[in-house]
PDB file of N, CA and C in Angstrom:
ATOM      1  N   MET A   1      -3.339  -3.933  23.164  1.00  0.00           N
ATOM      2  CA  MET A   1      -2.412  -4.952  22.722  1.00  0.00           C
ATOM      3  C   MET A   1      -1.764  -4.482  21.423  1.00  0.00           C
ATOM      4  N   PRO A   2      -0.843  -3.518  21.610  1.00  0.00           N
ATOM      5  CA  PRO A   2      -0.106  -3.002  20.358  1.00  0.00           C
ATOM      6  C   PRO A   2       0.845  -4.158  19.917  1.00  0.00           C
ATOM      7  N   LEU A   3       0.930  -4.334  18.576  1.00  0.00           N
ATOM      8  CA  LEU A   3       1.912  -5.217  17.963  1.00  0.00           C
ATOM      9  C   LEU A   3       2.869  -4.200  17.420  1.00  0.00           C
ATOM     10  N   VAL A   4       4.244  -4.552  17.907  1.00  0.00           N
ATOM     11  CA  VAL A   4       5.312  -3.669  17.404  1.00  0.00           C
ATOM     12  C   VAL A   4       6.102  -4.422  16.473  1.00  0.00           C
ATOM     13  N   ARG A   5       6.535  -3.796  15.338  1.00  0.00           N
ATOM     14  CA  ARG A   5       7.510  -4.335  14.413  1.00  0.00           C
ATOM     15  C   ARG A   5       8.520  -3.205  14.048  1.00  0.00           C
ATOM     16  N   VAL A   6       9.862  -3.538  14.409  1.00  0.00           N
ATOM     17  CA  VAL A   6      10.834  -2.697  14.083  1.00  0.00           C
ATOM     18  C   VAL A   6      11.698  -3.219  12.988  1.00  0.00           C
ATOM     19  N   GLU A   7      11.893  -2.429  11.951  1.00  0.00           N
ATOM     20  CA  GLU A   7      12.785  -2.814  10.879  1.00  0.00           C
ATOM     21  C   GLU A   7      14.026  -1.944  11.050  1.00  0.00           C
ATOM     22  N   MET A   8      15.200  -2.579  10.944  1.00  0.00           N
ATOM     23  CA  MET A   8      16.417  -1.946  11.071  1.00  0.00           C
ATOM     24  C   MET A   8      17.488  -2.666  10.351  1.00  0.00           C
ATOM     25  N   ILE A   9      18.673  -1.944  10.166  1.00  0.00           N
ATOM     26  CA  ILE A   9      19.801  -2.497   9.366  1.00  0.00           C
ATOM     27  C   ILE A   9      20.440  -3.492  10.320  1.00  0.00           C
ATOM     28  N   LYS A  10      20.736  -4.741   9.952  1.00  0.00           N
ATOM     29  CA  LYS A  10      21.385  -5.754  10.561  1.00  0.00           C
ATOM     30  C   LYS A  10      22.702  -5.307  11.246  1.00  0.00           C
ATOM     31  N   GLY A  11      23.041  -5.832  12.427  1.00  0.00           N
ATOM     32  CA  GLY A  11      24.353  -5.611  12.963  1.00  0.00           C
ATOM     33  C   GLY A  11      24.371  -5.001  14.328  1.00  0.00           C
ATOM     34  N   LYS A  12      23.295  -4.680  14.845  1.00  0.00           N
ATOM     35  CA  LYS A  12      23.293  -4.017  16.251  1.00  0.00           C
ATOM     36  C   LYS A  12      23.468  -5.168  17.283  1.00  0.00           C
ATOM     37  N   SER A  13      23.922  -4.809  18.459  1.00  0.00           N
ATOM     38  CA  SER A  13      24.094  -5.852  19.568  1.00  0.00           C
ATOM     39  C   SER A  13      22.789  -6.151  20.174  1.00  0.00           C
ATOM     40  N   PRO A  14      22.816  -7.371  20.793  1.00  0.00           N
ATOM     41  CA  PRO A  14      21.521  -7.864  21.470  1.00  0.00           C
ATOM     42  C   PRO A  14      21.062  -6.762  22.506  1.00  0.00           C
ATOM     43  N   GLU A  15      22.055  -6.096  23.159  1.00  0.00           N
ATOM     44  CA  GLU A  15      21.699  -5.140  24.198  1.00  0.00           C
ATOM     45  C   GLU A  15      21.104  -3.849  23.513  1.00  0.00           C
ATOM     46  N   TYR A  16      21.519  -3.506  22.467  1.00  0.00           N
ATOM     47  CA  TYR A  16      20.973  -2.345  21.746  1.00  0.00           C
ATOM     48  C   TYR A  16      19.494  -2.631  21.334  1.00  0.00           C
ATOM     49  N   LYS A  17      19.313  -3.797  20.740  1.00  0.00           N
ATOM     50  CA  LYS A  17      18.046  -4.160  20.260  1.00  0.00           C
ATOM     51  C   LYS A  17      17.008  -4.302  21.423  1.00  0.00           C
ATOM     52  N   LYS A  18      17.501  -4.867  22.490  1.00  0.00           N
ATOM     53  CA  LYS A  18      16.612  -4.945  23.778  1.00  0.00           C
ATOM     54  C   LYS A  18      16.226  -3.514  24.275  1.00  0.00           C
ATOM     55  N   SER A  19      17.261  -2.665  24.214  1.00  0.00           N
ATOM     56  CA  SER A  19      16.988  -1.280  24.608  1.00  0.00           C
ATOM     57  C   SER A  19      15.928  -0.567  23.706  1.00  0.00           C
ATOM     58  N   VAL A  20      15.989  -0.815  22.420  1.00  0.00           N
ATOM     59  CA  VAL A  20      14.980  -0.307  21.468  1.00  0.00           C
ATOM     60  C   VAL A  20      13.673  -0.715  21.842  1.00  0.00           C
ATOM     61  N   LEU A  21      13.525  -2.081  22.071  1.00  0.00           N
ATOM     62  CA  LEU A  21      12.214  -2.646  22.372  1.00  0.00           C
ATOM     63  C   LEU A  21      11.727  -2.163  23.700  1.00  0.00           C
ATOM     64  N   THR A  22      12.650  -1.948  24.642  1.00  0.00           N
ATOM     65  CA  THR A  22      12.237  -1.480  26.041  1.00  0.00           C
ATOM     66  C   THR A  22      11.748  -0.066  25.996  1.00  0.00           C
ATOM     67  N   ASN A  23      12.512   0.751  25.235  1.00  0.00           N
ATOM     68  CA  ASN A  23      12.095   2.246  25.034  1.00  0.00           C
ATOM     69  C   ASN A  23      10.709   2.331  24.387  1.00  0.00           C
ATOM     70  N   ILE A  24      10.527   1.507  23.280  1.00  0.00           N
ATOM     71  CA  ILE A  24       9.238   1.486  22.693  1.00  0.00           C
ATOM     72  C   ILE A  24       8.206   1.165  23.618  1.00  0.00           C
ATOM     73  N   HIS A  25       8.358   0.127  24.380  1.00  0.00           N
ATOM     74  CA  HIS A  25       7.374  -0.398  25.241  1.00  0.00           C
ATOM     75  C   HIS A  25       7.003   0.572  26.290  1.00  0.00           C
ATOM     76  N   GLU A  26       8.092   1.288  26.961  1.00  0.00           N
ATOM     77  CA  GLU A  26       7.843   2.290  27.973  1.00  0.00           C
ATOM     78  C   GLU A  26       7.051   3.455  27.370  1.00  0.00           C
ATOM     79  N   GLY A  27       7.374   3.830  26.071  1.00  0.00           N
ATOM     80  CA  GLY A  27       6.635   4.937  25.519  1.00  0.00           C
ATOM     81  C   GLY A  27       5.194   4.501  25.308  1.00  0.00           C
ATOM     82  N   LEU A  28       4.809   3.298  24.928  1.00  0.00           N
ATOM     83  CA  LEU A  28       3.557   2.851  24.780  1.00  0.00           C
ATOM     84  C   LEU A  28       2.807   2.809  26.197  1.00  0.00           C
ATOM     85  N   MET A  29       3.473   2.373  27.138  1.00  0.00           N
ATOM     86  CA  MET A  29       2.841   2.403  28.470  1.00  0.00           C
ATOM     87  C   MET A  29       2.462   3.775  28.969  1.00  0.00           C
ATOM     88  N   GLU A  30       3.306   4.820  28.709  1.00  0.00           N
ATOM     89  CA  GLU A  30       3.097   6.123  29.035  1.00  0.00           C
ATOM     90  C   GLU A  30       1.972   6.757  28.181  1.00  0.00           C
ATOM     91  N   SER A  31       1.940   6.491  26.907  1.00  0.00           N
ATOM     92  CA  SER A  31       1.002   7.135  25.989  1.00  0.00           C
ATOM     93  C   SER A  31      -0.261   6.420  25.804  1.00  0.00           C
ATOM     94  N   PHE A  32      -0.205   5.117  25.764  1.00  0.00           N
ATOM     95  CA  PHE A  32      -1.512   4.298  25.649  1.00  0.00           C
ATOM     96  C   PHE A  32      -2.001   3.644  26.819  1.00  0.00           C
ATOM     97  N   ASP A  33      -1.370   3.879  27.999  1.00  0.00           N
ATOM     98  CA  ASP A  33      -1.648   3.186  29.163  1.00  0.00           C
ATOM     99  C   ASP A  33      -1.811   1.710  29.120  1.00  0.00           C
ATOM    100  N   ILE A  34      -0.943   1.080  28.415  1.00  0.00           N
ATOM    101  CA  ILE A  34      -0.893  -0.406  28.363  1.00  0.00           C
ATOM    102  C   ILE A  34      -0.215  -1.068  29.591  1.00  0.00           C
ATOM    103  N   ALA A  35      -0.522  -2.242  29.841  1.00  0.00           N
ATOM    104  CA  ALA A  35       0.085  -2.973  31.010  1.00  0.00           C
ATOM    105  C   ALA A  35       1.611  -3.302  30.650  1.00  0.00           C
ATOM    106  N   ASP A  36       2.368  -3.491  31.614  1.00  0.00           N
ATOM    107  CA  ASP A  36       3.832  -3.903  31.454  1.00  0.00           C
ATOM    108  C   ASP A  36       3.956  -5.222  30.686  1.00  0.00           C
ATOM    109  N   TRP A  37       3.061  -6.158  31.014  1.00  0.00           N
ATOM    110  CA  TRP A  37       3.066  -7.448  30.398  1.00  0.00           C
ATOM    111  C   TRP A  37       2.759  -7.537  28.912  1.00  0.00           C
ATOM    112  N   ASP A  38       2.075  -6.578  28.423  1.00  0.00           N
ATOM    113  CA  ASP A  38       1.514  -6.467  27.116  1.00  0.00           C
ATOM    114  C   ASP A  38       2.642  -6.118  26.044  1.00  0.00           C
ATOM    115  N   ARG A  39       3.573  -7.053  25.868  1.00  0.00           N
ATOM    116  CA  ARG A  39       4.696  -6.898  24.912  1.00  0.00           C
ATOM    117  C   ARG A  39       4.604  -7.928  23.797  1.00  0.00           C
ATOM    118  N   PHE A  40       4.082  -7.427  22.713  1.00  0.00           N
ATOM    119  CA  PHE A  40       4.122  -8.170  21.440  1.00  0.00           C
ATOM    120  C   PHE A  40       5.051  -7.442  20.470  1.00  0.00           C
ATOM    121  N   GLN A  41       6.289  -7.745  20.592  1.00  0.00           N
ATOM    122  CA  GLN A  41       7.260  -6.960  19.826  1.00  0.00           C
ATOM    123  C   GLN A  41       8.235  -7.896  18.983  1.00  0.00           C
ATOM    124  N   ARG A  42       8.745  -7.302  17.927  1.00  0.00           N
ATOM    125  CA  ARG A  42       9.696  -8.077  17.244  1.00  0.00           C
ATOM    126  C   ARG A  42      10.595  -7.077  16.372  1.00  0.00           C
ATOM    127  N   ILE A  43      11.796  -7.490  16.277  1.00  0.00           N
ATOM    128  CA  ILE A  43      12.747  -6.756  15.430  1.00  0.00           C
ATOM    129  C   ILE A  43      13.099  -7.541  14.127  1.00  0.00           C
ATOM    130  N   VAL A  44      12.965  -6.859  13.030  1.00  0.00           N
ATOM    131  CA  VAL A  44      13.357  -7.559  11.745  1.00  0.00           C
ATOM    132  C   VAL A  44      14.677  -6.832  11.311  1.00  0.00           C
ATOM    133  N   GLU A  45      15.683  -7.636  11.244  1.00  0.00           N
ATOM    134  CA  GLU A  45      16.942  -7.054  10.770  1.00  0.00           C
ATOM    135  C   GLU A  45      17.119  -7.303   9.249  1.00  0.00           C
ATOM    136  N   ILE A  46      17.563  -6.198   8.611  1.00  0.00           N
ATOM    137  CA  ILE A  46      17.637  -6.247   7.109  1.00  0.00           C
ATOM    138  C   ILE A  46      19.165  -6.015   6.746  1.00  0.00           C
ATOM    139  N   SER A  47      19.737  -6.810   5.861  1.00  0.00           N
ATOM    140  CA  SER A  47      21.107  -6.605   5.409  1.00  0.00           C
ATOM    141  C   SER A  47      21.214  -5.148   4.820  1.00  0.00           C
ATOM    142  N   PRO A  48      22.271  -4.494   4.934  1.00  0.00           N
ATOM    143  CA  PRO A  48      22.418  -3.088   4.423  1.00  0.00           C
ATOM    144  C   PRO A  48      22.131  -3.057   2.931  1.00  0.00           C
ATOM    145  N   GLU A  49      22.506  -4.004   2.211  1.00  0.00           N
ATOM    146  CA  GLU A  49      22.225  -4.044   0.666  1.00  0.00           C
ATOM    147  C   GLU A  49      20.783  -4.120   0.326  1.00  0.00           C
ATOM    148  N   ASP A  50      19.979  -4.597   1.387  1.00  0.00           N
ATOM    149  CA  ASP A  50      18.533  -4.782   1.213  1.00  0.00           C
ATOM    150  C   ASP A  50      17.710  -3.778   1.778  1.00  0.00           C
ATOM    151  N   PHE A  51      18.301  -2.741   2.431  1.00  0.00           N
ATOM    152  CA  PHE A  51      17.558  -1.636   3.092  1.00  0.00           C
ATOM    153  C   PHE A  51      18.003  -0.329   2.524  1.00  0.00           C
ATOM    154  N   GLU A  52      17.153   0.182   1.718  1.00  0.00           N
ATOM    155  CA  GLU A  52      17.509   1.473   1.054  1.00  0.00           C
ATOM    156  C   GLU A  52      17.204   2.589   1.954  1.00  0.00           C
ATOM    157  N   LEU A  53      18.136   3.313   2.314  1.00  0.00           N
ATOM    158  CA  LEU A  53      17.983   4.477   3.185  1.00  0.00           C
ATOM    159  C   LEU A  53      17.567   5.692   2.531  1.00  0.00           C
ATOM    160  N   PRO A  54      16.566   6.397   3.033  1.00  0.00           N
ATOM    161  CA  PRO A  54      16.214   7.716   2.417  1.00  0.00           C
ATOM    162  C   PRO A  54      17.457   8.660   2.550  1.00  0.00           C
ATOM    163  N   GLU A  55      17.520   9.557   1.733  1.00  0.00           N
ATOM    164  CA  GLU A  55      18.642  10.598   1.729  1.00  0.00           C
ATOM    165  C   GLU A  55      18.665  11.313   3.240  1.00  0.00           C
ATOM    166  N   GLY A  56      19.830  11.397   3.650  1.00  0.00           N
ATOM    167  CA  GLY A  56      20.015  12.099   5.029  1.00  0.00           C
ATOM    168  C   GLY A  56      19.807  11.271   6.177  1.00  0.00           C
ATOM    169  N   LYS A  57      19.501   9.928   5.940  1.00  0.00           N
ATOM    170  CA  LYS A  57      19.403   9.017   7.192  1.00  0.00           C
ATOM    171  C   LYS A  57      20.657   8.278   7.337  1.00  0.00           C
ATOM    172  N   THR A  58      20.807   7.793   8.641  1.00  0.00           N
ATOM    173  CA  THR A  58      22.106   7.109   9.035  1.00  0.00           C
ATOM    174  C   THR A  58      21.854   5.627   9.244  1.00  0.00           C
ATOM    175  N   LYS A  59      22.807   4.844   9.507  1.00  0.00           N
ATOM    176  CA  LYS A  59      22.685   3.423   9.694  1.00  0.00           C
ATOM    177  C   LYS A  59      21.761   3.075  10.930  1.00  0.00           C
ATOM    178  N   ASP A  60      21.485   4.103  11.758  1.00  0.00           N
ATOM    179  CA  ASP A  60      20.542   3.880  12.833  1.00  0.00           C
ATOM    180  C   ASP A  60      19.029   4.062  12.472  1.00  0.00           C
ATOM    181  N   PHE A  61      18.737   4.430  11.217  1.00  0.00           N
ATOM    182  CA  PHE A  61      17.470   4.672  10.779  1.00  0.00           C
ATOM    183  C   PHE A  61      16.555   3.312  10.984  1.00  0.00           C
ATOM    184  N   MET A  62      15.353   3.580  11.497  1.00  0.00           N
ATOM    185  CA  MET A  62      14.517   2.344  11.717  1.00  0.00           C
ATOM    186  C   MET A  62      13.033   2.710  11.345  1.00  0.00           C
ATOM    187  N   ILE A  63      12.366   1.760  10.967  1.00  0.00           N
ATOM    188  CA  ILE A  63      10.958   1.960  10.737  1.00  0.00           C
ATOM    189  C   ILE A  63      10.136   1.193  11.896  1.00  0.00           C
ATOM    190  N   ILE A  64       9.341   1.892  12.594  1.00  0.00           N
ATOM    191  CA  ILE A  64       8.556   1.261  13.604  1.00  0.00           C
ATOM    192  C   ILE A  64       7.062   1.287  13.258  1.00  0.00           C
ATOM    193  N   GLU A  65       6.510   0.090  13.099  1.00  0.00           N
ATOM    194  CA  GLU A  65       5.115  -0.018  12.818  1.00  0.00           C
ATOM    195  C   GLU A  65       4.317  -0.489  14.103  1.00  0.00           C
ATOM    196  N   LEU A  66       3.405   0.342  14.495  1.00  0.00           N
ATOM    197  CA  LEU A  66       2.542  -0.049  15.632  1.00  0.00           C
ATOM    198  C   LEU A  66       1.118  -0.502  15.123  1.00  0.00           C
ATOM    199  N   THR A  67       0.788  -1.655  15.307  1.00  0.00           N
ATOM    200  CA  THR A  67      -0.638  -2.109  14.968  1.00  0.00           C
ATOM    201  C   THR A  67      -1.410  -2.165  16.206  1.00  0.00           C
ATOM    202  N   VAL A  68      -2.509  -1.344  16.389  1.00  0.00           N
ATOM    203  CA  VAL A  68      -3.193  -1.253  17.619  1.00  0.00           C
ATOM    204  C   VAL A  68      -4.694  -1.328  17.407  1.00  0.00           C
ATOM    205  N   PHE A  69      -5.369  -1.638  18.397  1.00  0.00           N
ATOM    206  CA  PHE A  69      -6.877  -1.565  18.422  1.00  0.00           C
ATOM    207  C   PHE A  69      -7.252  -0.197  18.135  1.00  0.00           C
ATOM    208  N   PRO A  70      -8.307  -0.013  17.364  1.00  0.00           N
ATOM    209  CA  PRO A  70      -8.795   1.453  17.067  1.00  0.00           C
ATOM    210  C   PRO A  70      -9.370   2.015  18.401  1.00  0.00           C
ATOM    211  N   GLY A  71      -9.337   3.297  18.374  1.00  0.00           N
ATOM    212  CA  GLY A  71      -9.942   4.077  19.451  1.00  0.00           C
ATOM    213  C   GLY A  71      -8.966   5.120  20.149  1.00  0.00           C
ATOM    214  N   ARG A  72      -7.748   5.018  19.852  1.00  0.00           N
ATOM    215  CA  ARG A  72      -6.876   5.960  20.464  1.00  0.00           C
ATOM    216  C   ARG A  72      -7.085   7.391  19.906  1.00  0.00           C
ATOM    217  N   THR A  73      -6.930   8.370  20.757  1.00  0.00           N
ATOM    218  CA  THR A  73      -7.140   9.652  20.155  1.00  0.00           C
ATOM    219  C   THR A  73      -5.906  10.278  19.430  1.00  0.00           C
ATOM    220  N   LYS A  74      -6.003  11.313  18.752  1.00  0.00           N
ATOM    221  CA  LYS A  74      -4.989  11.947  17.945  1.00  0.00           C
ATOM    222  C   LYS A  74      -3.829  12.337  18.912  1.00  0.00           C
ATOM    223  N   GLU A  75      -4.319  12.852  20.098  1.00  0.00           N
ATOM    224  CA  GLU A  75      -3.327  13.252  21.124  1.00  0.00           C
ATOM    225  C   GLU A  75      -2.587  12.108  21.690  1.00  0.00           C
ATOM    226  N   GLN A  76      -3.165  10.964  21.899  1.00  0.00           N
ATOM    227  CA  GLN A  76      -2.467   9.758  22.424  1.00  0.00           C
ATOM    228  C   GLN A  76      -1.445   9.279  21.409  1.00  0.00           C
ATOM    229  N   LYS A  77      -1.834   9.372  20.133  1.00  0.00           N
ATOM    230  CA  LYS A  77      -0.968   8.886  19.014  1.00  0.00           C
ATOM    231  C   LYS A  77       0.233   9.916  18.895  1.00  0.00           C
ATOM    232  N   ARG A  78      -0.015  11.151  18.985  1.00  0.00           N
ATOM    233  CA  ARG A  78       1.124  12.149  18.984  1.00  0.00           C
ATOM    234  C   ARG A  78       1.940  11.987  20.194  1.00  0.00           C
ATOM    235  N   LYS A  79       1.434  11.659  21.289  1.00  0.00           N
ATOM    236  CA  LYS A  79       2.252  11.442  22.556  1.00  0.00           C
ATOM    237  C   LYS A  79       3.091  10.175  22.331  1.00  0.00           C
ATOM    238  N   ALA A  80       2.609   9.228  21.807  1.00  0.00           N
ATOM    239  CA  ALA A  80       3.366   7.872  21.523  1.00  0.00           C
ATOM    240  C   ALA A  80       4.493   8.169  20.578  1.00  0.00           C
ATOM    241  N   ILE A  81       4.255   8.835  19.456  1.00  0.00           N
ATOM    242  CA  ILE A  81       5.246   9.112  18.506  1.00  0.00           C
ATOM    243  C   ILE A  81       6.351  10.022  19.163  1.00  0.00           C
ATOM    244  N   GLU A  82       5.964  11.017  19.868  1.00  0.00           N
ATOM    245  CA  GLU A  82       6.974  11.951  20.538  1.00  0.00           C
ATOM    246  C   GLU A  82       7.732  11.185  21.675  1.00  0.00           C
ATOM    247  N   THR A  83       6.999  10.426  22.434  1.00  0.00           N
ATOM    248  CA  THR A  83       7.621   9.805  23.570  1.00  0.00           C
ATOM    249  C   THR A  83       8.641   8.710  23.181  1.00  0.00           C
ATOM    250  N   ILE A  84       8.193   7.903  22.156  1.00  0.00           N
ATOM    251  CA  ILE A  84       9.080   6.842  21.776  1.00  0.00           C
ATOM    252  C   ILE A  84      10.333   7.389  21.081  1.00  0.00           C
ATOM    253  N   THR A  85      10.119   8.406  20.211  1.00  0.00           N
ATOM    254  CA  THR A  85      11.241   9.046  19.611  1.00  0.00           C
ATOM    255  C   THR A  85      12.262   9.696  20.548  1.00  0.00           C
ATOM    256  N   GLY A  86      11.664  10.291  21.587  1.00  0.00           N
ATOM    257  CA  GLY A  86      12.478  10.917  22.561  1.00  0.00           C
ATOM    258  C   GLY A  86      13.280   9.915  23.487  1.00  0.00           C
ATOM    259  N   LYS A  87      12.523   8.841  23.753  1.00  0.00           N
ATOM    260  CA  LYS A  87      13.257   7.837  24.550  1.00  0.00           C
ATOM    261  C   LYS A  87      14.392   7.160  23.699  1.00  0.00           C
ATOM    262  N   LEU A  88      14.176   6.909  22.425  1.00  0.00           N
ATOM    263  CA  LEU A  88      15.201   6.392  21.683  1.00  0.00           C
ATOM    264  C   LEU A  88      16.426   7.274  21.562  1.00  0.00           C
ATOM    265  N   HIS A  89      16.132   8.526  21.456  1.00  0.00           N
ATOM    266  CA  HIS A  89      17.219   9.665  21.369  1.00  0.00           C
ATOM    267  C   HIS A  89      18.012   9.682  22.727  1.00  0.00           C
ATOM    268  N   ASP A  90      17.163   9.853  23.879  1.00  0.00           N
ATOM    269  CA  ASP A  90      17.915   9.848  25.082  1.00  0.00           C
ATOM    270  C   ASP A  90      18.627   8.682  25.549  1.00  0.00           C
ATOM    271  N   SER A  91      18.119   7.429  25.263  1.00  0.00           N
ATOM    272  CA  SER A  91      18.811   6.324  25.675  1.00  0.00           C
ATOM    273  C   SER A  91      19.956   5.877  24.694  1.00  0.00           C
ATOM    274  N   LEU A  92      19.720   5.838  23.421  1.00  0.00           N
ATOM    275  CA  LEU A  92      20.685   5.297  22.518  1.00  0.00           C
ATOM    276  C   LEU A  92      21.227   6.290  21.606  1.00  0.00           C
ATOM    277  N   GLY A  93      20.904   7.537  21.752  1.00  0.00           N
ATOM    278  CA  GLY A  93      21.497   8.611  20.865  1.00  0.00           C
ATOM    279  C   GLY A  93      20.897   8.583  19.332  1.00  0.00           C
ATOM    280  N   ILE A  94      19.745   7.978  19.135  1.00  0.00           N
ATOM    281  CA  ILE A  94      19.282   7.883  17.791  1.00  0.00           C
ATOM    282  C   ILE A  94      18.667   9.206  17.442  1.00  0.00           C
ATOM    283  N   ALA A  95      19.060   9.762  16.357  1.00  0.00           N
ATOM    284  CA  ALA A  95      18.585  11.066  16.020  1.00  0.00           C
ATOM    285  C   ALA A  95      17.088  11.012  15.608  1.00  0.00           C
ATOM    286  N   PRO A  96      16.253  11.944  16.087  1.00  0.00           N
ATOM    287  CA  PRO A  96      14.793  11.887  15.788  1.00  0.00           C
ATOM    288  C   PRO A  96      14.527  11.684  14.295  1.00  0.00           C
ATOM    289  N   THR A  97      15.349  12.323  13.365  1.00  0.00           N
ATOM    290  CA  THR A  97      15.175  12.108  11.968  1.00  0.00           C
ATOM    291  C   THR A  97      15.491  10.689  11.531  1.00  0.00           C
ATOM    292  N   ASP A  98      15.931   9.803  12.358  1.00  0.00           N
ATOM    293  CA  ASP A  98      16.170   8.351  11.961  1.00  0.00           C
ATOM    294  C   ASP A  98      15.187   7.550  12.552  1.00  0.00           C
ATOM    295  N   VAL A  99      14.008   8.149  13.012  1.00  0.00           N
ATOM    296  CA  VAL A  99      12.924   7.332  13.603  1.00  0.00           C
ATOM    297  C   VAL A  99      11.709   7.569  12.676  1.00  0.00           C
ATOM    298  N   PHE A 100      11.135   6.609  12.052  1.00  0.00           N
ATOM    299  CA  PHE A 100       9.925   6.662  11.237  1.00  0.00           C
ATOM    300  C   PHE A 100       8.886   5.770  11.913  1.00  0.00           C
ATOM    301  N   ILE A 101       7.796   6.340  12.335  1.00  0.00           N
ATOM    302  CA  ILE A 101       6.747   5.485  13.017  1.00  0.00           C
ATOM    303  C   ILE A 101       5.432   5.586  12.240  1.00  0.00           C
ATOM    304  N   VAL A 102       4.820   4.474  12.043  1.00  0.00           N
ATOM    305  CA  VAL A 102       3.480   4.343  11.413  1.00  0.00           C
ATOM    306  C   VAL A 102       2.537   3.618  12.405  1.00  0.00           C
ATOM    307  N   ILE A 103       1.381   4.230  12.564  1.00  0.00           N
ATOM    308  CA  ILE A 103       0.359   3.508  13.431  1.00  0.00           C
ATOM    309  C   ILE A 103      -0.662   3.014  12.518  1.00  0.00           C
ATOM    310  N   ASN A 104      -0.879   1.624  12.556  1.00  0.00           N
ATOM    311  CA  ASN A 104      -2.004   1.041  11.864  1.00  0.00           C
ATOM    312  C   ASN A 104      -3.106   0.661  12.855  1.00  0.00           C
ATOM    313  N   GLU A 105      -4.479   0.864  12.375  1.00  0.00           N
ATOM    314  CA  GLU A 105      -5.503   0.567  13.221  1.00  0.00           C
ATOM    315  C   GLU A 105      -6.494  -0.307  12.587  1.00  0.00           C
ATOM    316  N   PRO A 106      -6.289  -1.513  12.357  1.00  0.00           N
ATOM    317  CA  PRO A 106      -7.309  -2.410  11.712  1.00  0.00           C
ATOM    318  C   PRO A 106      -8.539  -2.510  12.607  1.00  0.00           C
ATOM    319  N   PRO A 107      -9.673  -2.641  12.055  1.00  0.00           N
ATOM    320  CA  PRO A 107     -10.933  -2.789  12.843  1.00  0.00           C
ATOM    321  C   PRO A 107     -10.879  -4.052  13.697  1.00  0.00           C
ATOM    322  N   LEU A 108     -11.617  -4.093  14.744  1.00  0.00           N
ATOM    323  CA  LEU A 108     -11.526  -5.215  15.657  1.00  0.00           C
ATOM    324  C   LEU A 108     -11.909  -6.527  14.928  1.00  0.00           C
ATOM    325  N   GLU A 109     -12.798  -6.440  13.906  1.00  0.00           N
ATOM    326  CA  GLU A 109     -13.202  -7.705  13.240  1.00  0.00           C
ATOM    327  C   GLU A 109     -11.991  -8.310  12.515  1.00  0.00           C
ATOM    328  N   ASN A 110     -10.890  -7.604  12.353  1.00  0.00           N
ATOM    329  CA  ASN A 110      -9.764  -8.100  11.645  1.00  0.00           C
ATOM    330  C   ASN A 110      -8.717  -8.700  12.641  1.00  0.00           C
ATOM    331  N   TRP A 111      -9.079  -8.739  13.921  1.00  0.00           N
ATOM    332  CA  TRP A 111      -8.146  -9.391  14.965  1.00  0.00           C
ATOM    333  C   TRP A 111      -8.758 -10.779  15.385  1.00  0.00           C
ATOM    334  N   GLY A 112      -7.764 -11.637  15.366  1.00  0.00           N
ATOM    335  CA  GLY A 112      -8.151 -13.009  15.905  1.00  0.00           C
ATOM    336  C   GLY A 112      -7.134 -13.346  16.972  1.00  0.00           C
ATOM    337  N   MET A 113      -7.779 -13.729  18.175  1.00  0.00           N
ATOM    338  CA  MET A 113      -6.949 -14.119  19.307  1.00  0.00           C
ATOM    339  C   MET A 113      -7.557 -15.274  19.937  1.00  0.00           C
ATOM    340  N   ALA A 114      -6.698 -16.319  20.187  1.00  0.00           N
ATOM    341  CA  ALA A 114      -7.092 -17.581  20.759  1.00  0.00           C
ATOM    342  C   ALA A 114      -8.222 -18.294  19.972  1.00  0.00           C
ATOM    343  N   GLY A 115      -8.099 -18.219  18.648  1.00  0.00           N
ATOM    344  CA  GLY A 115      -9.124 -18.783  17.778  1.00  0.00           C
ATOM    345  C   GLY A 115     -10.506 -18.072  17.716  1.00  0.00           C
ATOM    346  N   LYS A 116     -10.501 -16.886  18.269  1.00  0.00           N
ATOM    347  CA  LYS A 116     -11.833 -16.110  18.225  1.00  0.00           C
ATOM    348  C   LYS A 116     -11.598 -14.714  17.638  1.00  0.00           C
ATOM    349  N   GLN A 117     -12.636 -14.394  16.873  1.00  0.00           N
ATOM    350  CA  GLN A 117     -12.609 -12.986  16.330  1.00  0.00           C
ATOM    351  C   GLN A 117     -12.833 -11.941  17.377  1.00  0.00           C
ATOM    352  N   LYS A 118     -12.008 -10.928  17.503  1.00  0.00           N
ATOM    353  CA  LYS A 118     -12.095  -9.882  18.492  1.00  0.00           C
ATOM    354  C   LYS A 118     -13.452  -9.079  18.194  1.00  0.00           C
ATOM    355  N   GLY A 119     -13.965  -8.599  19.294  1.00  0.00           N
ATOM    356  CA  GLY A 119     -15.244  -7.895  19.171  1.00  0.00           C
ATOM    357  C   GLY A 119     -16.472  -8.637  19.185  1.00  0.00           C
ATOM    358  N   GLU A 120     -16.403  -9.861  19.228  1.00  0.00           N
ATOM    359  CA  GLU A 120     -17.610 -10.815  19.197  1.00  0.00           C
ATOM    360  C   GLU A 120     -18.352 -10.745  20.528  1.00  0.00           C
TER     361      GLU A 120
END
């Protein structure tokens, strides 16, 4: 159950944003073997004046945070990063240098679903 948060500069079309989410989800299915229905994704759009771009980045720059259950291997994480970045490049022309991915793995005790602590 990866939670996906994408931060990007405001102004992209609904089709563009849907494609971003679809490419990320497909990358997670390929690398983490998640089910197609397992889509907990959101895009947060930020006004250009509130989004400080690192030097050399374009208006396509995005930060992708993946919050996942612990236990994925280093190789699975590498594959997720490479696959998602590649899909965004191939589908939308986003330069790999404009994709920044962070994977967070809080312990199961820090997850609550349907009013229950995960891992009980």
